[in-house]
Every structure is written in C-alpha cells, then in structure tokens.
Amino acid sequence: MKHNYRPDRRTLRTRRKLNTAMVGLIQEKRFDDITVQNVIDRAEVARGTFYAHCTGTEDLFDQQWQAFNRMLAEQIDWDRAGTESFIPVTFFFQHLQDSQRFYQALVRSRKVDVIFKSGVGYLSRNIEITLNERLKRRRVAIPIPIVANYLASEFFALLKWWLEAGMPYTPEAMDQMFHRLINPTIKSAL
C-alpha cells in the first residue's frame, strides 16, 4: 500500500529556512567551509531540528538537488516528446542564468562536476519511473533505462557546455537546439 505523505506546514517552513540558509551560505563561502552551525544560525533553527531533517550539510544540499531534479522531471511534457519542445530547457537554463552568483560559488567550491554527475543519475531515475508508468507493457524500440540515461546525460552535457562557454546563446535558443538534436532519437526510441 502506497502512502501519500505530505509534510505539515511547520516541516515545510523549516525546510524552506534550511534551504534558503544553505543557498545564501554557498554564495558567501566555499561549500567545504560551511558548517552545520553556520546553517542553523542562518536558518534560526535548533540543532535538533536540523538533524531531524538531514544528517549534515552534504545531505541538506543533496536533498535540495534531488528535489530540484524531481521537479524538473515532473515538468517534462511527454505528450510532445519526439515532436516539440518537451523538456523544460528554457526554464532550467534561465534559472541558472539568473543564479550566476550561486553557480560561480559552486564552481569555487569544486562541486559542479559532482553535481552534474549526480544530476544525471537523479534525472535519469525520475524519467525512467515516469516512462515505466506511462508506457506500461508497451514495447519500445530502446529499453527505457537507456532512453532515460540518454536524455539526462544529453541535458546535463549541453548545460555544462553552455555554462563553460559563457552562455553564448539564450536559454530559448538552447531549448530549440537541444530538442532539434534529441527529438529524432526520442521519436525512434519510443
């Protein structure tokens, strides 16, 4: 039996405070220099409250990143897959463009490669879950885990290139180019 657990308002408020504190601290100092005490002071929560939500700063950051990838996967419009823009590239690229200070802080902390690698894993798993639900027992040309990994890998590879190249194209242009590249493959795979 699957339970649909929804956290209460207090839990959501605490999570929001912890997340906001972490984002602010990352922009101010290297990630490795951020302590649990820094986070609880900034979030104005008790140490026990912090540990009720996560095991440390790495865990807090990882939870945020997993949630962001889950949200990204939920925004995919599978009815348009293979024919139109169906992955929210514009949204995600625009978000990073608007958060350049945060991204530069991650670069300083040497976390970008780790984040992108885990992003591929998280996004791939979320895509795989969704496709398995949508395509129950339907035969596909390429196994779903491979399609999911392909989409996630291509998304993060293009994002990394764009950021390292200094964002030479608009998020909208990147969305168009990304979908021109992947739609033929997705159309033949599914």
C-alpha atoms as a PDB file:
ATOM      1  CA  MET A   1       0.000   0.000   0.000  1.00  0.00           C
ATOM      2  CA  LYS A   2       1.460   3.317  -1.092  1.00  0.00           C
ATOM      3  CA  HIS A   3       1.129   6.214   1.345  1.00  0.00           C
ATOM      4  CA  ASN A   4       0.990   9.719   0.011  1.00  0.00           C
ATOM      5  CA  TYR A   5       2.818  11.540   2.799  1.00  0.00           C
ATOM      6  CA  ARG A   6       2.578  15.319   2.766  1.00  0.00           C
ATOM      7  CA  PRO A   7       4.648  17.225   5.300  1.00  0.00           C
ATOM      8  CA  ASP A   8       2.885  19.692   7.568  1.00  0.00           C
ATOM      9  CA  ARG A   9       3.348  23.462   7.285  1.00  0.00           C
ATOM     10  CA  ARG A  10       5.905  23.602  10.081  1.00  0.00           C
ATOM     11  CA  THR A  11       8.046  20.993   8.360  1.00  0.00           C
ATOM     12  CA  LEU A  12       7.787  22.822   5.037  1.00  0.00           C
ATOM     13  CA  ARG A  13       8.655  26.145   6.688  1.00  0.00           C
ATOM     14  CA  THR A  14      11.711  24.611   8.390  1.00  0.00           C
ATOM     15  CA  ARG A  15      12.870  23.003   5.136  1.00  0.00           C
ATOM     16  CA  ARG A  16      12.481  26.326   3.336  1.00  0.00           C
ATOM     17  CA  LYS A  17      14.530  28.085   6.047  1.00  0.00           C
ATOM     18  CA  LEU A  18      17.274  25.450   5.873  1.00  0.00           C
ATOM     19  CA  ASN A  19      17.358  25.557   2.069  1.00  0.00           C
ATOM     20  CA  THR A  20      17.479  29.353   1.976  1.00  0.00           C
ATOM     21  CA  ALA A  21      20.251  29.370   4.553  1.00  0.00           C
ATOM     22  CA  MET A  22      22.291  26.858   2.555  1.00  0.00           C
ATOM     23  CA  VAL A  23      21.903  28.774  -0.721  1.00  0.00           C
ATOM     24  CA  GLY A  24      22.939  32.021   0.962  1.00  0.00           C
ATOM     25  CA  LEU A  25      25.959  30.450   2.617  1.00  0.00           C
ATOM     26  CA  ILE A  26      27.140  28.818  -0.625  1.00  0.00           C
ATOM     27  CA  GLN A  27      27.215  32.256  -2.227  1.00  0.00           C
ATOM     28  CA  GLU A  28      29.367  33.586   0.613  1.00  0.00           C
ATOM     29  CA  LYS A  29      31.905  30.829   1.240  1.00  0.00           C
ATOM     30  CA  ARG A  30      33.295  27.594  -0.168  1.00  0.00           C
ATOM     31  CA  PHE A  31      30.961  24.677   0.401  1.00  0.00           C
ATOM     32  CA  ASP A  32      33.558  22.732   2.380  1.00  0.00           C
ATOM     33  CA  ASP A  33      33.823  25.656   4.808  1.00  0.00           C
ATOM     34  CA  ILE A  34      30.101  25.652   5.622  1.00  0.00           C
ATOM     35  CA  THR A  35      29.332  24.078   8.975  1.00  0.00           C
ATOM     36  CA  VAL A  36      26.119  22.815  10.498  1.00  0.00           C
ATOM     37  CA  GLN A  37      26.424  25.676  12.986  1.00  0.00           C
ATOM     38  CA  ASN A  38      26.527  28.183  10.096  1.00  0.00           C
ATOM     39  CA  VAL A  39      23.306  26.718   8.676  1.00  0.00           C
ATOM     40  CA  ILE A  40      21.393  26.592  11.960  1.00  0.00           C
ATOM     41  CA  ASP A  41      22.476  30.126  12.857  1.00  0.00           C
ATOM     42  CA  ARG A  42      21.372  31.455   9.462  1.00  0.00           C
ATOM     43  CA  ALA A  43      18.125  29.460   9.431  1.00  0.00           C
ATOM     44  CA  GLU A  44      17.435  30.244  13.082  1.00  0.00           C
ATOM     45  CA  VAL A  45      16.582  26.650  13.955  1.00  0.00           C
ATOM     46  CA  ALA A  46      17.749  24.380  16.748  1.00  0.00           C
ATOM     47  CA  ARG A  47      20.471  21.796  16.149  1.00  0.00           C
ATOM     48  CA  GLY A  48      17.973  19.002  16.880  1.00  0.00           C
ATOM     49  CA  THR A  49      15.605  20.446  14.265  1.00  0.00           C
ATOM     50  CA  PHE A  50      18.426  20.496  11.725  1.00  0.00           C
ATOM     51  CA  TYR A  51      19.256  16.846  12.405  1.00  0.00           C
ATOM     52  CA  ALA A  52      15.588  15.888  12.244  1.00  0.00           C
ATOM     53  CA  HIS A  53      15.693  16.951   8.578  1.00  0.00           C
ATOM     54  CA  CYS A  54      19.168  15.896   7.457  1.00  0.00           C
ATOM     55  CA  THR A  55      22.429  14.335   8.594  1.00  0.00           C
ATOM     56  CA  GLY A  56      24.728  17.225   7.666  1.00  0.00           C
ATOM     57  CA  THR A  57      25.446  19.937   5.137  1.00  0.00           C
ATOM     58  CA  GLU A  58      26.177  17.463   2.303  1.00  0.00           C
ATOM     59  CA  ASP A  59      22.867  15.711   2.972  1.00  0.00           C
ATOM     60  CA  LEU A  60      20.966  19.012   3.070  1.00  0.00           C
ATOM     61  CA  PHE A  61      22.464  20.088  -0.249  1.00  0.00           C
ATOM     62  CA  ASP A  62      21.854  16.657  -1.786  1.00  0.00           C
ATOM     63  CA  GLN A  63      18.192  16.725  -0.701  1.00  0.00           C
ATOM     64  CA  GLN A  64      17.774  20.131  -2.361  1.00  0.00           C
ATOM     65  CA  TRP A  65      19.397  18.887  -5.551  1.00  0.00           C
ATOM     66  CA  GLN A  66      17.280  15.715  -5.636  1.00  0.00           C
ATOM     67  CA  ALA A  67      14.103  17.744  -5.140  1.00  0.00           C
ATOM     68  CA  PHE A  68      15.090  20.131  -7.924  1.00  0.00           C
ATOM     69  CA  ASN A  69      15.732  17.235 -10.328  1.00  0.00           C
ATOM     70  CA  ARG A  70      12.422  15.623  -9.356  1.00  0.00           C
ATOM     71  CA  MET A  71      10.637  18.917 -10.064  1.00  0.00           C
ATOM     72  CA  LEU A  72      12.446  19.191 -13.408  1.00  0.00           C
ATOM     73  CA  ALA A  73      11.377  15.659 -14.379  1.00  0.00           C
ATOM     74  CA  GLU A  74       7.773  16.424 -13.402  1.00  0.00           C
ATOM     75  CA  GLN A  75       7.776  19.370 -15.834  1.00  0.00           C
ATOM     76  CA  ILE A  76       8.508  17.141 -18.843  1.00  0.00           C
ATOM     77  CA  ASP A  77       5.576  17.134 -21.271  1.00  0.00           C
ATOM     78  CA  TRP A  78       5.699  13.568 -22.588  1.00  0.00           C
ATOM     79  CA  ASP A  79       2.778  14.147 -24.977  1.00  0.00           C
ATOM     80  CA  ARG A  80       5.122  16.378 -27.019  1.00  0.00           C
ATOM     81  CA  ALA A  81       8.156  14.069 -26.834  1.00  0.00           C
ATOM     82  CA  GLY A  82       9.766  13.440 -30.197  1.00  0.00           C
ATOM     83  CA  THR A  83       7.986  16.284 -31.954  1.00  0.00           C
ATOM     84  CA  GLU A  84       8.275  19.548 -29.992  1.00  0.00           C
ATOM     85  CA  SER A  85       9.987  21.110 -27.010  1.00  0.00           C
ATOM     86  CA  PHE A  86       9.082  18.757 -24.152  1.00  0.00           C
ATOM     87  CA  ILE A  87      11.877  19.104 -21.594  1.00  0.00           C
ATOM     88  CA  PRO A  88      11.905  22.474 -19.763  1.00  0.00           C
ATOM     89  CA  VAL A  89      15.337  23.519 -21.021  1.00  0.00           C
ATOM     90  CA  THR A  90      14.428  27.207 -21.175  1.00  0.00           C
ATOM     91  CA  PHE A  91      13.234  27.186 -17.562  1.00  0.00           C
ATOM     92  CA  PHE A  92      16.305  25.416 -16.193  1.00  0.00           C
ATOM     93  CA  PHE A  93      18.870  27.362 -18.235  1.00  0.00           C
ATOM     94  CA  GLN A  94      17.146  30.646 -17.379  1.00  0.00           C
ATOM     95  CA  HIS A  95      17.188  29.685 -13.707  1.00  0.00           C
ATOM     96  CA  LEU A  96      20.960  29.145 -13.838  1.00  0.00           C
ATOM     97  CA  GLN A  97      21.480  32.320 -15.837  1.00  0.00           C
ATOM     98  CA  ASP A  98      19.587  34.249 -13.156  1.00  0.00           C
ATOM     99  CA  SER A  99      21.578  32.470 -10.419  1.00  0.00           C
ATOM    100  CA  GLN A 100      25.073  33.092 -11.779  1.00  0.00           C
ATOM    101  CA  ARG A 101      26.393  34.076  -8.361  1.00  0.00           C
ATOM    102  CA  PHE A 102      25.227  30.764  -6.928  1.00  0.00           C
ATOM    103  CA  TYR A 103      26.678  28.814  -9.864  1.00  0.00           C
ATOM    104  CA  GLN A 104      30.039  30.624  -9.559  1.00  0.00           C
ATOM    105  CA  ALA A 105      30.068  29.755  -5.859  1.00  0.00           C
ATOM    106  CA  LEU A 106      29.595  26.083  -6.764  1.00  0.00           C
ATOM    107  CA  VAL A 107      32.481  26.350  -9.234  1.00  0.00           C
ATOM    108  CA  ARG A 108      34.671  27.869  -6.483  1.00  0.00           C
ATOM    109  CA  SER A 109      33.700  25.001  -4.201  1.00  0.00           C
ATOM    110  CA  ARG A 110      34.589  22.467  -6.904  1.00  0.00           C
ATOM    111  CA  LYS A 111      31.121  20.936  -6.692  1.00  0.00           C
ATOM    112  CA  VAL A 112      29.948  21.389 -10.297  1.00  0.00           C
ATOM    113  CA  ASP A 113      31.219  18.074 -11.707  1.00  0.00           C
ATOM    114  CA  VAL A 114      29.814  16.135  -8.751  1.00  0.00           C
ATOM    115  CA  ILE A 115      26.502  17.983  -9.022  1.00  0.00           C
ATOM    116  CA  PHE A 116      26.180  17.361 -12.747  1.00  0.00           C
ATOM    117  CA  LYS A 117      27.079  13.682 -12.368  1.00  0.00           C
ATOM    118  CA  SER A 118      24.503  13.184  -9.609  1.00  0.00           C
ATOM    119  CA  GLY A 119      22.032  15.287 -11.624  1.00  0.00           C
ATOM    120  CA  VAL A 120      22.289  12.808 -14.487  1.00  0.00           C
ATOM    121  CA  GLY A 121      21.552   9.968 -12.057  1.00  0.00           C
ATOM    122  CA  TYR A 122      18.616  11.693 -10.332  1.00  0.00           C
ATOM    123  CA  LEU A 123      17.031  12.977 -13.538  1.00  0.00           C
ATOM    124  CA  SER A 124      17.551   9.629 -15.269  1.00  0.00           C
ATOM    125  CA  ARG A 125      15.817   7.738 -12.426  1.00  0.00           C
ATOM    126  CA  ASN A 126      12.897  10.169 -12.403  1.00  0.00           C
ATOM    127  CA  ILE A 127      12.491   9.928 -16.178  1.00  0.00           C
ATOM    128  CA  GLU A 128      12.689   6.131 -16.010  1.00  0.00           C
ATOM    129  CA  ILE A 129       9.980   5.971 -13.330  1.00  0.00           C
ATOM    130  CA  THR A 130       7.684   8.224 -15.348  1.00  0.00           C
ATOM    131  CA  LEU A 131       8.252   6.377 -18.623  1.00  0.00           C
ATOM    132  CA  ASN A 132       7.676   2.995 -16.970  1.00  0.00           C
ATOM    133  CA  GLU A 133       4.342   4.274 -15.644  1.00  0.00           C
ATOM    134  CA  ARG A 134       3.321   5.874 -18.949  1.00  0.00           C
ATOM    135  CA  LEU A 135       4.380   3.028 -21.207  1.00  0.00           C
ATOM    136  CA  LYS A 136       3.279   0.048 -19.116  1.00  0.00           C
ATOM    137  CA  ARG A 137       3.870  -3.145 -21.045  1.00  0.00           C
ATOM    138  CA  ARG A 138       4.146  -1.255 -24.323  1.00  0.00           C
ATOM    139  CA  ARG A 139       7.057  -2.412 -26.429  1.00  0.00           C
ATOM    140  CA  VAL A 140       9.602   0.276 -27.114  1.00  0.00           C
ATOM    141  CA  ALA A 141      12.463   0.211 -29.610  1.00  0.00           C
ATOM    142  CA  ILE A 142      15.093   1.017 -26.979  1.00  0.00           C
ATOM    143  CA  PRO A 143      14.893  -0.052 -23.298  1.00  0.00           C
ATOM    144  CA  ILE A 144      13.531   2.701 -21.047  1.00  0.00           C
ATOM    145  CA  PRO A 145      16.604   2.861 -18.752  1.00  0.00           C
ATOM    146  CA  ILE A 146      18.761   3.642 -21.796  1.00  0.00           C
ATOM    147  CA  VAL A 147      16.352   6.312 -23.056  1.00  0.00           C
ATOM    148  CA  ALA A 148      16.218   7.873 -19.578  1.00  0.00           C
ATOM    149  CA  ASN A 149      20.003   7.931 -19.224  1.00  0.00           C
ATOM    150  CA  TYR A 150      20.394   9.349 -22.738  1.00  0.00           C
ATOM    151  CA  LEU A 151      18.004  12.229 -22.066  1.00  0.00           C
ATOM    152  CA  ALA A 152      19.511  13.101 -18.692  1.00  0.00           C
ATOM    153  CA  SER A 153      23.090  12.832 -19.968  1.00  0.00           C
ATOM    154  CA  GLU A 154      22.434  14.983 -23.025  1.00  0.00           C
ATOM    155  CA  PHE A 155      20.619  17.585 -20.956  1.00  0.00           C
ATOM    156  CA  PHE A 156      23.451  17.980 -18.446  1.00  0.00           C
ATOM    157  CA  ALA A 157      26.195  17.762 -21.103  1.00  0.00           C
ATOM    158  CA  LEU A 158      24.634  20.637 -23.032  1.00  0.00           C
ATOM    159  CA  LEU A 159      24.062  22.625 -19.852  1.00  0.00           C
ATOM    160  CA  LYS A 160      27.702  22.178 -18.820  1.00  0.00           C
ATOM    161  CA  TRP A 161      28.935  23.228 -22.273  1.00  0.00           C
ATOM    162  CA  TRP A 162      26.689  26.308 -22.239  1.00  0.00           C
ATOM    163  CA  LEU A 163      27.875  27.426 -18.805  1.00  0.00           C
ATOM    164  CA  GLU A 164      31.556  26.825 -19.565  1.00  0.00           C
ATOM    165  CA  ALA A 165      31.236  28.663 -22.901  1.00  0.00           C
ATOM    166  CA  GLY A 166      29.904  31.713 -21.060  1.00  0.00           C
ATOM    167  CA  MET A 167      26.233  31.278 -22.016  1.00  0.00           C
ATOM    168  CA  PRO A 168      26.676  32.421 -25.646  1.00  0.00           C
ATOM    169  CA  TYR A 169      23.066  31.640 -26.615  1.00  0.00           C
ATOM    170  CA  THR A 170      19.783  32.497 -24.929  1.00  0.00           C
ATOM    171  CA  PRO A 171      18.003  29.817 -22.898  1.00  0.00           C
ATOM    172  CA  GLU A 172      15.261  29.811 -25.573  1.00  0.00           C
ATOM    173  CA  ALA A 173      17.820  29.166 -28.345  1.00  0.00           C
ATOM    174  CA  MET A 174      19.365  26.367 -26.273  1.00  0.00           C
ATOM    175  CA  ASP A 175      15.917  24.829 -25.842  1.00  0.00           C
ATOM    176  CA  GLN A 176      15.354  24.827 -29.602  1.00  0.00           C
ATOM    177  CA  MET A 177      18.788  23.365 -30.378  1.00  0.00           C
ATOM    178  CA  PHE A 178      18.510  20.715 -27.666  1.00  0.00           C
ATOM    179  CA  HIS A 179      15.160  19.496 -28.972  1.00  0.00           C
ATOM    180  CA  ARG A 180      16.361  19.529 -32.588  1.00  0.00           C
ATOM    181  CA  LEU A 181      19.140  17.234 -31.506  1.00  0.00           C
ATOM    182  CA  ILE A 182      17.159  14.811 -29.346  1.00  0.00           C
ATOM    183  CA  ASN A 183      13.680  14.648 -30.890  1.00  0.00           C
ATOM    184  CA  PRO A 184      14.598  12.360 -33.815  1.00  0.00           C
ATOM    185  CA  THR A 185      16.187   9.901 -31.385  1.00  0.00           C
ATOM    186  CA  ILE A 186      13.267  10.026 -28.949  1.00  0.00           C
ATOM    187  CA  LYS A 187      10.750   9.593 -31.759  1.00  0.00           C
ATOM    188  CA  SER A 188      12.518   6.452 -32.990  1.00  0.00           C
ATOM    189  CA  ALA A 189      13.159   5.124 -29.456  1.00  0.00           C
ATOM    190  CA  LEU A 190       9.623   5.359 -28.102  1.00  0.00           C
END
